[in-house]
mmCIF file of all heavy atoms, coordinates in Angstrom:
data_MODEL
# 
_entry.id   MODEL 
# 
loop_
_atom_site.group_PDB 
_atom_site.id 
_atom_site.type_symbol 
_atom_site.label_atom_id 
_atom_site.label_alt_id 
_atom_site.label_comp_id 
_atom_site.label_asym_id 
_atom_site.label_entity_id 
_atom_site.label_seq_id 
_atom_site.pdbx_PDB_ins_code 
_atom_site.Cartn_x 
_atom_site.Cartn_y 
_atom_site.Cartn_z 
_atom_site.occupancy 
_atom_site.B_iso_or_equiv 
_atom_site.pdbx_formal_charge 
_atom_site.auth_seq_id 
_atom_site.auth_comp_id 
_atom_site.auth_asym_id 
_atom_site.auth_atom_id 
_atom_site.pdbx_PDB_model_num 
ATOM 1   N N   . TYR A 1 1  ? 48.630 -79.743 65.293 1.00 0.00 ? 1  TYR A N   1 
ATOM 2   C CA  . TYR A 1 1  ? 47.973 -81.057 65.349 1.00 0.00 ? 1  TYR A CA  1 
ATOM 3   C C   . TYR A 1 1  ? 48.930 -82.051 64.698 1.00 0.00 ? 1  TYR A C   1 
ATOM 4   O O   . TYR A 1 1  ? 48.855 -82.324 63.509 1.00 0.00 ? 1  TYR A O   1 
ATOM 5   C CB  . TYR A 1 1  ? 46.639 -81.033 64.594 1.00 0.00 ? 1  TYR A CB  1 
ATOM 6   C CG  . TYR A 1 1  ? 45.622 -80.080 65.167 1.00 0.00 ? 1  TYR A CG  1 
ATOM 7   C CD1 . TYR A 1 1  ? 45.176 -78.990 64.438 1.00 0.00 ? 1  TYR A CD1 1 
ATOM 8   C CD2 . TYR A 1 1  ? 45.089 -80.284 66.443 1.00 0.00 ? 1  TYR A CD2 1 
ATOM 9   C CE1 . TYR A 1 1  ? 44.231 -78.117 64.955 1.00 0.00 ? 1  TYR A CE1 1 
ATOM 10  C CE2 . TYR A 1 1  ? 44.150 -79.408 66.969 1.00 0.00 ? 1  TYR A CE2 1 
ATOM 11  C CZ  . TYR A 1 1  ? 43.721 -78.335 66.220 1.00 0.00 ? 1  TYR A CZ  1 
ATOM 12  O OH  . TYR A 1 1  ? 42.784 -77.468 66.734 1.00 0.00 ? 1  TYR A OH  1 
ATOM 13  N N   . ASN A 1 2  ? 49.861 -82.590 65.488 1.00 0.00 ? 2  ASN A N   1 
ATOM 14  C CA  . ASN A 1 2  ? 50.983 -83.337 64.911 1.00 0.00 ? 2  ASN A CA  1 
ATOM 15  C C   . ASN A 1 2  ? 50.828 -84.859 64.960 1.00 0.00 ? 2  ASN A C   1 
ATOM 16  O O   . ASN A 1 2  ? 51.728 -85.577 64.521 1.00 0.00 ? 2  ASN A O   1 
ATOM 17  C CB  . ASN A 1 2  ? 52.288 -82.915 65.585 1.00 0.00 ? 2  ASN A CB  1 
ATOM 18  C CG  . ASN A 1 2  ? 52.276 -83.212 67.074 1.00 0.00 ? 2  ASN A CG  1 
ATOM 19  O OD1 . ASN A 1 2  ? 51.769 -84.239 67.511 1.00 0.00 ? 2  ASN A OD1 1 
ATOM 20  N ND2 . ASN A 1 2  ? 52.843 -82.318 67.862 1.00 0.00 ? 2  ASN A ND2 1 
ATOM 21  N N   . ASP A 1 3  ? 49.730 -85.382 65.511 1.00 0.00 ? 3  ASP A N   1 
ATOM 22  C CA  . ASP A 1 3  ? 49.503 -86.835 65.591 1.00 0.00 ? 3  ASP A CA  1 
ATOM 23  C C   . ASP A 1 3  ? 50.717 -87.580 66.150 1.00 0.00 ? 3  ASP A C   1 
ATOM 24  O O   . ASP A 1 3  ? 51.053 -88.675 65.694 1.00 0.00 ? 3  ASP A O   1 
ATOM 25  C CB  . ASP A 1 3  ? 49.128 -87.411 64.209 1.00 0.00 ? 3  ASP A CB  1 
ATOM 26  C CG  . ASP A 1 3  ? 47.751 -86.973 63.767 1.00 0.00 ? 3  ASP A CG  1 
ATOM 27  O OD1 . ASP A 1 3  ? 46.873 -86.791 64.637 1.00 0.00 ? 3  ASP A OD1 1 
ATOM 28  O OD2 . ASP A 1 3  ? 47.555 -86.803 62.552 1.00 0.00 ? 3  ASP A OD2 1 
ATOM 29  N N   . ASN A 1 4  ? 51.393 -86.961 67.097 1.00 0.00 ? 4  ASN A N   1 
ATOM 30  C CA  . ASN A 1 4  ? 52.585 -87.546 67.741 1.00 0.00 ? 4  ASN A CA  1 
ATOM 31  C C   . ASN A 1 4  ? 53.726 -87.837 66.775 1.00 0.00 ? 4  ASN A C   1 
ATOM 32  O O   . ASN A 1 4  ? 54.603 -88.639 67.066 1.00 0.00 ? 4  ASN A O   1 
ATOM 33  C CB  . ASN A 1 4  ? 52.224 -88.802 68.544 1.00 0.00 ? 4  ASN A CB  1 
ATOM 34  C CG  . ASN A 1 4  ? 51.375 -88.438 69.742 1.00 0.00 ? 4  ASN A CG  1 
ATOM 35  O OD1 . ASN A 1 4  ? 51.650 -87.455 70.435 1.00 0.00 ? 4  ASN A OD1 1 
ATOM 36  N ND2 . ASN A 1 4  ? 50.327 -89.213 69.980 1.00 0.00 ? 4  ASN A ND2 1 
ATOM 37  N N   . GLU A 1 5  ? 53.699 -87.189 65.628 1.00 0.00 ? 5  GLU A N   1 
ATOM 38  C CA  . GLU A 1 5  ? 54.827 -87.277 64.701 1.00 0.00 ? 5  GLU A CA  1 
ATOM 39  C C   . GLU A 1 5  ? 55.915 -86.334 65.192 1.00 0.00 ? 5  GLU A C   1 
ATOM 40  O O   . GLU A 1 5  ? 55.616 -85.236 65.661 1.00 0.00 ? 5  GLU A O   1 
ATOM 41  C CB  . GLU A 1 5  ? 54.404 -86.859 63.288 1.00 0.00 ? 5  GLU A CB  1 
ATOM 42  C CG  . GLU A 1 5  ? 53.473 -87.827 62.604 1.00 0.00 ? 5  GLU A CG  1 
ATOM 43  C CD  . GLU A 1 5  ? 54.173 -89.101 62.186 1.00 0.00 ? 5  GLU A CD  1 
ATOM 44  O OE1 . GLU A 1 5  ? 55.319 -89.025 61.708 1.00 0.00 ? 5  GLU A OE1 1 
ATOM 45  O OE2 . GLU A 1 5  ? 53.563 -90.173 62.355 1.00 0.00 ? 5  GLU A OE2 1 
ATOM 46  N N   . PRO A 1 6  ? 57.198 -86.715 65.076 1.00 0.00 ? 6  PRO A N   1 
ATOM 47  C CA  . PRO A 1 6  ? 58.265 -85.809 65.505 1.00 0.00 ? 6  PRO A CA  1 
ATOM 48  C C   . PRO A 1 6  ? 58.446 -84.651 64.520 1.00 0.00 ? 6  PRO A C   1 
ATOM 49  O O   . PRO A 1 6  ? 58.102 -84.771 63.345 1.00 0.00 ? 6  PRO A O   1 
ATOM 50  C CB  . PRO A 1 6  ? 59.511 -86.706 65.517 1.00 0.00 ? 6  PRO A CB  1 
ATOM 51  C CG  . PRO A 1 6  ? 59.207 -87.775 64.528 1.00 0.00 ? 6  PRO A CG  1 
ATOM 52  C CD  . PRO A 1 6  ? 57.706 -87.998 64.580 1.00 0.00 ? 6  PRO A CD  1 
ATOM 53  N N   . PHE A 1 7  ? 58.975 -83.554 65.014 1.00 0.00 ? 7  PHE A N   1 
ATOM 54  C CA  . PHE A 1 7  ? 59.305 -82.408 64.169 1.00 0.00 ? 7  PHE A CA  1 
ATOM 55  C C   . PHE A 1 7  ? 60.413 -82.797 63.205 1.00 0.00 ? 7  PHE A C   1 
ATOM 56  O O   . PHE A 1 7  ? 61.403 -83.409 63.597 1.00 0.00 ? 7  PHE A O   1 
ATOM 57  C CB  . PHE A 1 7  ? 59.753 -81.230 65.045 1.00 0.00 ? 7  PHE A CB  1 
ATOM 58  C CG  . PHE A 1 7  ? 60.329 -80.087 64.267 1.00 0.00 ? 7  PHE A CG  1 
ATOM 59  C CD1 . PHE A 1 7  ? 59.548 -79.388 63.361 1.00 0.00 ? 7  PHE A CD1 1 
ATOM 60  C CD2 . PHE A 1 7  ? 61.649 -79.707 64.429 1.00 0.00 ? 7  PHE A CD2 1 
ATOM 61  C CE1 . PHE A 1 7  ? 60.074 -78.329 62.629 1.00 0.00 ? 7  PHE A CE1 1 
ATOM 62  C CE2 . PHE A 1 7  ? 62.183 -78.645 63.711 1.00 0.00 ? 7  PHE A CE2 1 
ATOM 63  C CZ  . PHE A 1 7  ? 61.391 -77.953 62.808 1.00 0.00 ? 7  PHE A CZ  1 
ATOM 64  N N   . LYS A 1 8  ? 60.237 -82.446 61.926 1.00 0.00 ? 8  LYS A N   1 
ATOM 65  C CA  . LYS A 1 8  ? 61.247 -82.746 60.903 1.00 0.00 ? 8  LYS A CA  1 
ATOM 66  C C   . LYS A 1 8  ? 61.859 -81.433 60.432 1.00 0.00 ? 8  LYS A C   1 
ATOM 67  O O   . LYS A 1 8  ? 61.215 -80.681 59.692 1.00 0.00 ? 8  LYS A O   1 
ATOM 68  C CB  . LYS A 1 8  ? 60.597 -83.472 59.726 1.00 0.00 ? 8  LYS A CB  1 
ATOM 69  C CG  . LYS A 1 8  ? 60.062 -84.852 60.081 1.00 0.00 ? 8  LYS A CG  1 
ATOM 70  C CD  . LYS A 1 8  ? 59.424 -85.496 58.857 1.00 0.00 ? 8  LYS A CD  1 
ATOM 71  C CE  . LYS A 1 8  ? 58.816 -86.831 59.193 1.00 0.00 ? 8  LYS A CE  1 
ATOM 72  N NZ  . LYS A 1 8  ? 57.473 -86.750 59.766 1.00 0.00 ? 8  LYS A NZ  1 
ATOM 73  N N   . PRO A 1 9  ? 63.090 -81.140 60.856 1.00 0.00 ? 9  PRO A N   1 
ATOM 74  C CA  . PRO A 1 9  ? 63.722 -79.894 60.414 1.00 0.00 ? 9  PRO A CA  1 
ATOM 75  C C   . PRO A 1 9  ? 63.970 -79.921 58.904 1.00 0.00 ? 9  PRO A C   1 
ATOM 76  O O   . PRO A 1 9  ? 64.158 -80.977 58.317 1.00 0.00 ? 9  PRO A O   1 
ATOM 77  C CB  . PRO A 1 9  ? 65.037 -79.857 61.187 1.00 0.00 ? 9  PRO A CB  1 
ATOM 78  C CG  . PRO A 1 9  ? 65.278 -81.243 61.645 1.00 0.00 ? 9  PRO A CG  1 
ATOM 79  C CD  . PRO A 1 9  ? 63.956 -81.938 61.714 1.00 0.00 ? 9  PRO A CD  1 
ATOM 80  N N   . TRP A 1 10 ? 63.930 -78.744 58.290 1.00 0.00 ? 10 TRP A N   1 
ATOM 81  C CA  . TRP A 1 10 ? 64.136 -78.636 56.857 1.00 0.00 ? 10 TRP A CA  1 
ATOM 82  C C   . TRP A 1 10 ? 65.578 -78.284 56.571 1.00 0.00 ? 10 TRP A C   1 
ATOM 83  O O   . TRP A 1 10 ? 66.308 -77.766 57.421 1.00 0.00 ? 10 TRP A O   1 
ATOM 84  C CB  . TRP A 1 10 ? 63.190 -77.587 56.268 1.00 0.00 ? 10 TRP A CB  1 
ATOM 85  C CG  . TRP A 1 10 ? 63.179 -76.314 57.063 1.00 0.00 ? 10 TRP A CG  1 
ATOM 86  C CD1 . TRP A 1 10 ? 64.046 -75.264 56.976 1.00 0.00 ? 10 TRP A CD1 1 
ATOM 87  C CD2 . TRP A 1 10 ? 62.271 -75.990 58.122 1.00 0.00 ? 10 TRP A CD2 1 
ATOM 88  N NE1 . TRP A 1 10 ? 63.726 -74.307 57.896 1.00 0.00 ? 10 TRP A NE1 1 
ATOM 89  C CE2 . TRP A 1 10 ? 62.638 -74.728 58.619 1.00 0.00 ? 10 TRP A CE2 1 
ATOM 90  C CE3 . TRP A 1 10 ? 61.179 -76.654 58.693 1.00 0.00 ? 10 TRP A CE3 1 
ATOM 91  C CZ2 . TRP A 1 10 ? 61.970 -74.112 59.655 1.00 0.00 ? 10 TRP A CZ2 1 
ATOM 92  C CZ3 . TRP A 1 10 ? 60.504 -76.032 59.726 1.00 0.00 ? 10 TRP A CZ3 1 
ATOM 93  C CH2 . TRP A 1 10 ? 60.895 -74.771 60.192 1.00 0.00 ? 10 TRP A CH2 1 
ATOM 94  N N   . LYS A 1 11 ? 65.964 -78.534 55.324 1.00 0.00 ? 11 LYS A N   1 
ATOM 95  C CA  . LYS A 1 11 ? 67.314 -78.202 54.871 1.00 0.00 ? 11 LYS A CA  1 
ATOM 96  C C   . LYS A 1 11 ? 67.507 -76.690 54.969 1.00 0.00 ? 11 LYS A C   1 
ATOM 97  O O   . LYS A 1 11 ? 66.648 -75.921 54.536 1.00 0.00 ? 11 LYS A O   1 
ATOM 98  C CB  . LYS A 1 11 ? 67.463 -78.673 53.423 1.00 0.00 ? 11 LYS A CB  1 
ATOM 99  C CG  . LYS A 1 11 ? 68.864 -78.560 52.882 1.00 0.00 ? 11 LYS A CG  1 
ATOM 100 C CD  . LYS A 1 11 ? 68.897 -79.135 51.475 1.00 0.00 ? 11 LYS A CD  1 
ATOM 101 C CE  . LYS A 1 11 ? 70.268 -79.235 50.974 1.00 0.00 ? 11 LYS A CE  1 
ATOM 102 N NZ  . LYS A 1 11 ? 71.015 -78.711 50.182 1.00 0.00 ? 11 LYS A NZ  1 
ATOM 103 N N   . GLY A 1 12 ? 68.607 -76.251 55.541 1.00 0.00 ? 12 GLY A N   1 
ATOM 104 C CA  . GLY A 1 12 ? 68.911 -74.830 55.636 1.00 0.00 ? 12 GLY A CA  1 
ATOM 105 C C   . GLY A 1 12 ? 68.437 -74.172 56.919 1.00 0.00 ? 12 GLY A C   1 
ATOM 106 O O   . GLY A 1 12 ? 68.673 -72.976 57.109 1.00 0.00 ? 12 GLY A O   1 
ATOM 107 N N   . LEU A 1 13 ? 67.773 -74.901 57.802 1.00 0.00 ? 13 LEU A N   1 
ATOM 108 C CA  . LEU A 1 13 ? 67.247 -74.293 59.036 1.00 0.00 ? 13 LEU A CA  1 
ATOM 109 C C   . LEU A 1 13 ? 68.361 -73.610 59.834 1.00 0.00 ? 13 LEU A C   1 
ATOM 110 O O   . LEU A 1 13 ? 68.225 -72.452 60.213 1.00 0.00 ? 13 LEU A O   1 
ATOM 111 C CB  . LEU A 1 13 ? 66.536 -75.353 59.889 1.00 0.00 ? 13 LEU A CB  1 
ATOM 112 C CG  . LEU A 1 13 ? 65.794 -74.845 61.129 1.00 0.00 ? 13 LEU A CG  1 
ATOM 113 C CD1 . LEU A 1 13 ? 64.639 -75.778 61.466 1.00 0.00 ? 13 LEU A CD1 1 
ATOM 114 C CD2 . LEU A 1 13 ? 66.675 -74.696 62.350 1.00 0.00 ? 13 LEU A CD2 1 
ATOM 115 N N   . LYS A 1 14 ? 69.479 -74.325 60.078 1.00 0.00 ? 14 LYS A N   1 
ATOM 116 C CA  . LYS A 1 14 ? 70.565 -73.741 60.893 1.00 0.00 ? 14 LYS A CA  1 
ATOM 117 C C   . LYS A 1 14 ? 71.249 -72.572 60.184 1.00 0.00 ? 14 LYS A C   1 
ATOM 118 O O   . LYS A 1 14 ? 71.547 -71.555 60.800 1.00 0.00 ? 14 LYS A O   1 
ATOM 119 C CB  . LYS A 1 14 ? 71.608 -74.808 61.229 1.00 0.00 ? 14 LYS A CB  1 
ATOM 120 C CG  . LYS A 1 14 ? 71.207 -75.705 62.360 1.00 0.00 ? 14 LYS A CG  1 
ATOM 121 C CD  . LYS A 1 14 ? 72.343 -76.646 62.724 1.00 0.00 ? 14 LYS A CD  1 
ATOM 122 C CE  . LYS A 1 14 ? 71.906 -77.539 63.855 1.00 0.00 ? 14 LYS A CE  1 
ATOM 123 N NZ  . LYS A 1 14 ? 72.859 -78.618 64.118 1.00 0.00 ? 14 LYS A NZ  1 
ATOM 124 N N   . THR A 1 15 ? 71.507 -72.717 58.890 1.00 0.00 ? 15 THR A N   1 
ATOM 125 C CA  . THR A 1 15 ? 72.162 -71.650 58.136 1.00 0.00 ? 15 THR A CA  1 
ATOM 126 C C   . THR A 1 15 ? 71.300 -70.394 58.128 1.00 0.00 ? 15 THR A C   1 
ATOM 127 O O   . THR A 1 15 ? 71.789 -69.288 58.382 1.00 0.00 ? 15 THR A O   1 
ATOM 128 C CB  . THR A 1 15 ? 72.421 -72.109 56.683 1.00 0.00 ? 15 THR A CB  1 
ATOM 129 O OG1 . THR A 1 15 ? 73.194 -73.310 56.732 1.00 0.00 ? 15 THR A OG1 1 
ATOM 130 C CG2 . THR A 1 15 ? 73.157 -71.048 55.886 1.00 0.00 ? 15 THR A CG2 1 
ATOM 131 N N   . ASN A 1 16 ? 70.007 -70.556 57.840 1.00 0.00 ? 16 ASN A N   1 
ATOM 132 C CA  . ASN A 1 16 ? 69.103 -69.405 57.822 1.00 0.00 ? 16 ASN A CA  1 
ATOM 133 C C   . ASN A 1 16 ? 68.969 -68.788 59.204 1.00 0.00 ? 16 ASN A C   1 
ATOM 134 O O   . ASN A 1 16 ? 68.887 -67.561 59.338 1.00 0.00 ? 16 ASN A O   1 
ATOM 135 C CB  . ASN A 1 16 ? 67.735 -69.805 57.266 1.00 0.00 ? 16 ASN A CB  1 
ATOM 136 C CG  . ASN A 1 16 ? 67.804 -70.096 55.781 1.00 0.00 ? 16 ASN A CG  1 
ATOM 137 O OD1 . ASN A 1 16 ? 68.728 -69.683 55.088 1.00 0.00 ? 16 ASN A OD1 1 
ATOM 138 N ND2 . ASN A 1 16 ? 66.826 -70.829 55.283 1.00 0.00 ? 16 ASN A ND2 1 
ATOM 139 N N   . PHE A 1 17 ? 68.960 -69.624 60.240 1.00 0.00 ? 17 PHE A N   1 
ATOM 140 C CA  . PHE A 1 17 ? 68.921 -69.111 61.612 1.00 0.00 ? 17 PHE A CA  1 
ATOM 141 C C   . PHE A 1 17 ? 70.102 -68.176 61.860 1.00 0.00 ? 17 PHE A C   1 
ATOM 142 O O   . PHE A 1 17 ? 69.929 -67.064 62.372 1.00 0.00 ? 17 PHE A O   1 
ATOM 143 C CB  . PHE A 1 17 ? 68.925 -70.276 62.616 1.00 0.00 ? 17 PHE A CB  1 
ATOM 144 C CG  . PHE A 1 17 ? 69.285 -69.853 64.012 1.00 0.00 ? 17 PHE A CG  1 
ATOM 145 C CD1 . PHE A 1 17 ? 68.378 -69.154 64.807 1.00 0.00 ? 17 PHE A CD1 1 
ATOM 146 C CD2 . PHE A 1 17 ? 70.538 -70.132 64.545 1.00 0.00 ? 17 PHE A CD2 1 
ATOM 147 C CE1 . PHE A 1 17 ? 68.709 -68.751 66.093 1.00 0.00 ? 17 PHE A CE1 1 
ATOM 148 C CE2 . PHE A 1 17 ? 70.875 -69.733 65.822 1.00 0.00 ? 17 PHE A CE2 1 
ATOM 149 C CZ  . PHE A 1 17 ? 69.959 -69.039 66.605 1.00 0.00 ? 17 PHE A CZ  1 
ATOM 150 N N   . ARG A 1 18 ? 71.301 -68.610 61.491 1.00 0.00 ? 18 ARG A N   1 
ATOM 151 C CA  . ARG A 1 18 ? 72.500 -67.781 61.733 1.00 0.00 ? 18 ARG A CA  1 
ATOM 152 C C   . ARG A 1 18 ? 72.434 -66.476 60.950 1.00 0.00 ? 18 ARG A C   1 
ATOM 153 O O   . ARG A 1 18 ? 72.764 -65.408 61.479 1.00 0.00 ? 18 ARG A O   1 
ATOM 154 C CB  . ARG A 1 18 ? 73.766 -68.566 61.388 1.00 0.00 ? 18 ARG A CB  1 
ATOM 155 C CG  . ARG A 1 18 ? 74.094 -69.634 62.423 1.00 0.00 ? 18 ARG A CG  1 
ATOM 156 C CD  . ARG A 1 18 ? 75.502 -70.180 62.255 1.00 0.00 ? 18 ARG A CD  1 
ATOM 157 N NE  . ARG A 1 18 ? 75.683 -70.922 61.021 1.00 0.00 ? 18 ARG A NE  1 
ATOM 158 C CZ  . ARG A 1 18 ? 75.470 -72.238 60.878 1.00 0.00 ? 18 ARG A CZ  1 
ATOM 159 N NH1 . ARG A 1 18 ? 75.068 -72.950 61.912 1.00 0.00 ? 18 ARG A NH1 1 
ATOM 160 N NH2 . ARG A 1 18 ? 75.660 -72.824 59.717 1.00 0.00 ? 18 ARG A NH2 1 
ATOM 161 N N   . LEU A 1 19 ? 72.006 -66.533 59.675 1.00 0.00 ? 19 LEU A N   1 
ATOM 162 C CA  . LEU A 1 19 ? 71.891 -65.315 58.860 1.00 0.00 ? 19 LEU A CA  1 
ATOM 163 C C   . LEU A 1 19 ? 70.863 -64.353 59.456 1.00 0.00 ? 19 LEU A C   1 
ATOM 164 O O   . LEU A 1 19 ? 71.114 -63.152 59.569 1.00 0.00 ? 19 LEU A O   1 
ATOM 165 C CB  . LEU A 1 19 ? 71.484 -65.678 57.426 1.00 0.00 ? 19 LEU A CB  1 
ATOM 166 C CG  . LEU A 1 19 ? 72.548 -66.335 56.560 1.00 0.00 ? 19 LEU A CG  1 
ATOM 167 C CD1 . LEU A 1 19 ? 71.914 -66.901 55.287 1.00 0.00 ? 19 LEU A CD1 1 
ATOM 168 C CD2 . LEU A 1 19 ? 73.641 -65.343 56.202 1.00 0.00 ? 19 LEU A CD2 1 
ATOM 169 N N   . LEU A 1 20 ? 69.698 -64.875 59.828 1.00 0.00 ? 20 LEU A N   1 
ATOM 170 C CA  . LEU A 1 20 ? 68.636 -64.035 60.382 1.00 0.00 ? 20 LEU A CA  1 
ATOM 171 C C   . LEU A 1 20 ? 69.036 -63.447 61.730 1.00 0.00 ? 20 LEU A C   1 
ATOM 172 O O   . LEU A 1 20 ? 68.734 -62.294 62.034 1.00 0.00 ? 20 LEU A O   1 
ATOM 173 C CB  . LEU A 1 20 ? 67.339 -64.834 60.495 1.00 0.00 ? 20 LEU A CB  1 
ATOM 174 C CG  . LEU A 1 20 ? 66.669 -65.158 59.156 1.00 0.00 ? 20 LEU A CG  1 
ATOM 175 C CD1 . LEU A 1 20 ? 65.664 -66.295 59.305 1.00 0.00 ? 20 LEU A CD1 1 
ATOM 176 C CD2 . LEU A 1 20 ? 66.010 -63.916 58.574 1.00 0.00 ? 20 LEU A CD2 1 
ATOM 177 N N   . LYS A 1 21 ? 69.726 -64.233 62.528 1.00 0.00 ? 21 LYS A N   1 
ATOM 178 C CA  . LYS A 1 21 ? 70.183 -63.750 63.843 1.00 0.00 ? 21 LYS A CA  1 
ATOM 179 C C   . LYS A 1 21 ? 71.133 -62.560 63.668 1.00 0.00 ? 21 LYS A C   1 
ATOM 180 O O   . LYS A 1 21 ? 71.040 -61.566 64.390 1.00 0.00 ? 21 LYS A O   1 
ATOM 181 C CB  . LYS A 1 21 ? 70.841 -64.897 64.609 1.00 0.00 ? 21 LYS A CB  1 
ATOM 182 C CG  . LYS A 1 21 ? 71.151 -64.567 66.046 1.00 0.00 ? 21 LYS A CG  1 
ATOM 183 C CD  . LYS A 1 21 ? 71.658 -65.813 66.761 1.00 0.00 ? 21 LYS A CD  1 
ATOM 184 C CE  . LYS A 1 21 ? 72.200 -65.460 68.103 1.00 0.00 ? 21 LYS A CE  1 
ATOM 185 N NZ  . LYS A 1 21 ? 71.276 -65.716 69.184 1.00 0.00 ? 21 LYS A NZ  1 
ATOM 186 N N   . ARG A 1 22 ? 72.029 -62.668 62.687 1.00 0.00 ? 22 ARG A N   1 
ATOM 187 C CA  . ARG A 1 22 ? 72.964 -61.574 62.421 1.00 0.00 ? 22 ARG A CA  1 
ATOM 188 C C   . ARG A 1 22 ? 72.205 -60.333 61.940 1.00 0.00 ? 22 ARG A C   1 
ATOM 189 O O   . ARG A 1 22 ? 72.472 -59.221 62.387 1.00 0.00 ? 22 ARG A O   1 
ATOM 190 C CB  . ARG A 1 22 ? 74.022 -62.010 61.407 1.00 0.00 ? 22 ARG A CB  1 
ATOM 191 C CG  . ARG A 1 22 ? 75.151 -61.002 61.265 1.00 0.00 ? 22 ARG A CG  1 
ATOM 192 C CD  . ARG A 1 22 ? 76.328 -61.516 60.459 1.00 0.00 ? 22 ARG A CD  1 
ATOM 193 N NE  . ARG A 1 22 ? 75.972 -61.702 59.063 1.00 0.00 ? 22 ARG A NE  1 
ATOM 194 C CZ  . ARG A 1 22 ? 76.081 -62.869 58.415 1.00 0.00 ? 22 ARG A CZ  1 
ATOM 195 N NH1 . ARG A 1 22 ? 76.544 -63.930 59.021 1.00 0.00 ? 22 ARG A NH1 1 
ATOM 196 N NH2 . ARG A 1 22 ? 75.739 -62.955 57.145 1.00 0.00 ? 22 ARG A NH2 1 
ATOM 197 N N   . ARG A 1 23 ? 71.242 -60.531 61.017 1.00 0.00 ? 23 ARG A N   1 
ATOM 198 C CA  . ARG A 1 23 ? 70.439 -59.404 60.521 1.00 0.00 ? 23 ARG A CA  1 
ATOM 199 C C   . ARG A 1 23 ? 69.658 -58.741 61.657 1.00 0.00 ? 23 ARG A C   1 
ATOM 200 O O   . ARG A 1 23 ? 69.539 -57.521 61.709 1.00 0.00 ? 23 ARG A O   1 
ATOM 201 C CB  . ARG A 1 23 ? 69.466 -59.864 59.437 1.00 0.00 ? 23 ARG A CB  1 
ATOM 202 C CG  . ARG A 1 23 ? 70.107 -60.194 58.140 1.00 0.00 ? 23 ARG A CG  1 
ATOM 203 C CD  . ARG A 1 23 ? 70.468 -58.927 57.404 1.00 0.00 ? 23 ARG A CD  1 
ATOM 204 N NE  . ARG A 1 23 ? 70.948 -59.272 56.070 1.00 0.00 ? 23 ARG A NE  1 
ATOM 205 C CZ  . ARG A 1 23 ? 72.082 -58.848 55.564 1.00 0.00 ? 23 ARG A CZ  1 
ATOM 206 N NH1 . ARG A 1 23 ? 72.859 -58.070 56.255 1.00 0.00 ? 23 ARG A NH1 1 
ATOM 207 N NH2 . ARG A 1 23 ? 72.441 -59.196 54.351 1.00 0.00 ? 23 ARG A NH2 1 
ATOM 208 N N   . LEU A 1 24 ? 69.090 -59.539 62.549 1.00 0.00 ? 24 LEU A N   1 
ATOM 209 C CA  . LEU A 1 24 ? 68.338 -58.982 63.672 1.00 0.00 ? 24 LEU A CA  1 
ATOM 210 C C   . LEU A 1 24 ? 69.264 -58.162 64.562 1.00 0.00 ? 24 LEU A C   1 
ATOM 211 O O   . LEU A 1 24 ? 68.927 -57.048 64.964 1.00 0.00 ? 24 LEU A O   1 
ATOM 212 C CB  . LEU A 1 24 ? 67.666 -60.086 64.471 1.00 0.00 ? 24 LEU A CB  1 
ATOM 213 C CG  . LEU A 1 24 ? 66.927 -59.620 65.740 1.00 0.00 ? 24 LEU A CG  1 
ATOM 214 C CD1 . LEU A 1 24 ? 65.803 -58.659 65.394 1.00 0.00 ? 24 LEU A CD1 1 
ATOM 215 C CD2 . LEU A 1 24 ? 66.396 -60.822 66.512 1.00 0.00 ? 24 LEU A CD2 1 
ATOM 216 N N   . ARG A 1 25 ? 70.420 -58.689 64.872 1.00 0.00 ? 25 ARG A N   1 
ATOM 217 C CA  . ARG A 1 25 ? 71.380 -57.972 65.715 1.00 0.00 ? 25 ARG A CA  1 
ATOM 218 C C   . ARG A 1 25 ? 71.732 -56.626 65.092 1.00 0.00 ? 25 ARG A C   1 
ATOM 219 O O   . ARG A 1 25 ? 71.765 -55.597 65.763 1.00 0.00 ? 25 ARG A O   1 
ATOM 220 C CB  . ARG A 1 25 ? 72.625 -58.835 65.927 1.00 0.00 ? 25 ARG A CB  1 
ATOM 221 C CG  . ARG A 1 25 ? 73.503 -58.407 67.081 1.00 0.00 ? 25 ARG A CG  1 
ATOM 222 C CD  . ARG A 1 25 ? 74.580 -59.415 67.440 1.00 0.00 ? 25 ARG A CD  1 
ATOM 223 N NE  . ARG A 1 25 ? 75.334 -59.879 66.293 1.00 0.00 ? 25 ARG A NE  1 
ATOM 224 C CZ  . ARG A 1 25 ? 75.399 -61.156 65.914 1.00 0.00 ? 25 ARG A CZ  1 
ATOM 225 N NH1 . ARG A 1 25 ? 74.773 -62.101 66.579 1.00 0.00 ? 25 ARG A NH1 1 
ATOM 226 N NH2 . ARG A 1 25 ? 76.119 -61.503 64.855 1.00 0.00 ? 25 ARG A NH2 1 
# 
């Protein structure tokens, strides 16, 4: 229920994505 507010990415989203992707692999 976002009231048409845009998604605000958090600090570390990309870095954590890369770490988690490597762990999953």
